[in-house]
Protein backbone atom coordinates (compact mmCIF):
# COMPACT_ATOMS: atom_id res chain seq x y z
CA MET A 1 14.65 19.64 -2.62
CA LYS A 2 11.99 19.34 -5.72
CA VAL A 3 11.22 16.77 -8.11
CA SER A 4 9.12 16.38 -10.26
CA ALA A 5 5.63 15.29 -10.84
CA LYS A 6 5.89 11.69 -12.15
CA ALA A 7 8.48 10.91 -9.01
CA ALA A 8 5.93 12.51 -6.82
CA GLY A 9 3.14 10.08 -7.80
CA LEU A 10 5.53 7.40 -6.92
CA ILE A 11 6.92 8.65 -3.85
CA SER A 12 2.96 8.98 -2.63
CA ALA A 13 2.03 6.22 -3.71
CA PHE A 14 5.24 4.47 -1.68
CA PHE A 15 4.25 6.41 1.61
CA MET A 16 1.07 5.27 1.28
CA VAL A 17 1.47 1.55 0.57
CA ILE A 18 4.08 1.47 3.73
CA ILE A 19 1.08 3.12 5.93
CA LEU A 20 -2.57 0.68 4.43
CA ASP A 21 0.28 -3.14 4.07
CA THR A 22 1.36 -1.75 8.08
CA ALA A 23 -1.93 -1.32 9.43
CA MET A 24 -3.66 -4.48 7.42
CA THR A 25 -0.54 -6.83 7.77
CA PHE A 26 -0.73 -6.29 11.33
CA THR A 27 -4.93 -6.38 11.58
CA MET A 28 -4.79 -9.46 9.92
CA THR A 29 -2.30 -11.18 11.70
CA SER A 30 -3.36 -10.21 14.78
CA VAL A 31 -7.00 -11.30 13.91
CA LEU A 32 -5.95 -14.60 12.32
CA THR A 33 -3.04 -15.79 14.18
CA GLY A 34 -2.98 -13.61 17.24
CA TRP A 35 -0.61 -12.76 19.26
CA THR A 36 1.07 -16.48 19.73
CA PRO A 37 5.21 -17.35 20.00
CA GLY A 38 6.45 -16.23 16.41
CA PHE A 39 3.86 -13.12 15.75
CA ALA A 40 6.46 -10.81 14.68
CA GLN A 41 8.07 -13.11 12.03
CA ARG A 42 4.36 -13.59 10.61
CA PHE A 43 3.55 -9.92 10.68
CA ALA A 44 7.52 -9.39 9.13
CA GLY A 45 6.82 -12.10 6.42
CA GLY A 46 3.32 -11.17 5.62
CA TRP A 47 4.53 -7.28 5.51
CA LEU A 48 6.99 -7.92 2.87
CA LEU A 49 4.76 -9.98 0.25
CA GLY A 50 1.86 -7.62 1.07
CA PHE A 51 4.40 -4.74 -0.33
CA ALA A 52 5.78 -6.99 -3.36
CA VAL A 53 2.16 -7.03 -4.16
CA ALA A 54 0.68 -3.63 -3.50
CA LEU A 55 3.61 -0.95 -5.39
CA PRO A 56 3.22 -2.53 -8.48
CA THR A 57 -0.69 -2.53 -8.17
CA SER A 58 -0.74 0.93 -6.48
CA ILE A 59 1.38 2.26 -9.57
CA VAL A 60 -0.87 0.39 -12.44
CA ALA A 61 -3.96 1.35 -11.10
CA THR A 62 -3.09 4.89 -9.69
CA PRO A 63 -3.75 6.30 -13.52
CA LEU A 64 -7.34 4.26 -14.02
CA VAL A 65 -8.34 5.53 -11.04
CA ARG A 66 -7.71 9.07 -11.63
CA ARG A 67 -9.43 8.30 -15.30
CA ILE A 68 -12.67 7.08 -13.26
CA VAL A 69 -12.57 9.91 -10.59
CA GLU A 70 -11.97 12.40 -14.06
CA LYS A 71 -15.15 10.37 -15.45
CA LEU A 72 -17.56 10.91 -11.96
CA THR A 73 -16.50 14.63 -10.91
CA THR A 74 -17.14 17.49 -12.22
CA GLN A 75 -14.48 20.66 -12.53
């Protein structure tokens, strides 16, 4: 099944945010609170908050980043 280029960009952003949000939330929760009771709950809460912020940020920032990269590179 093929998707449109616009949908492919959104799907790509979705999976990138999942990967990065998981890695960063796990790292920051581990560093800031350690492996103490309630770690899983703190991680899950942080992950949900991070995802809620990161996905729309990624969708809004992607076109800006593409324009910046196009200006800094040659074709």
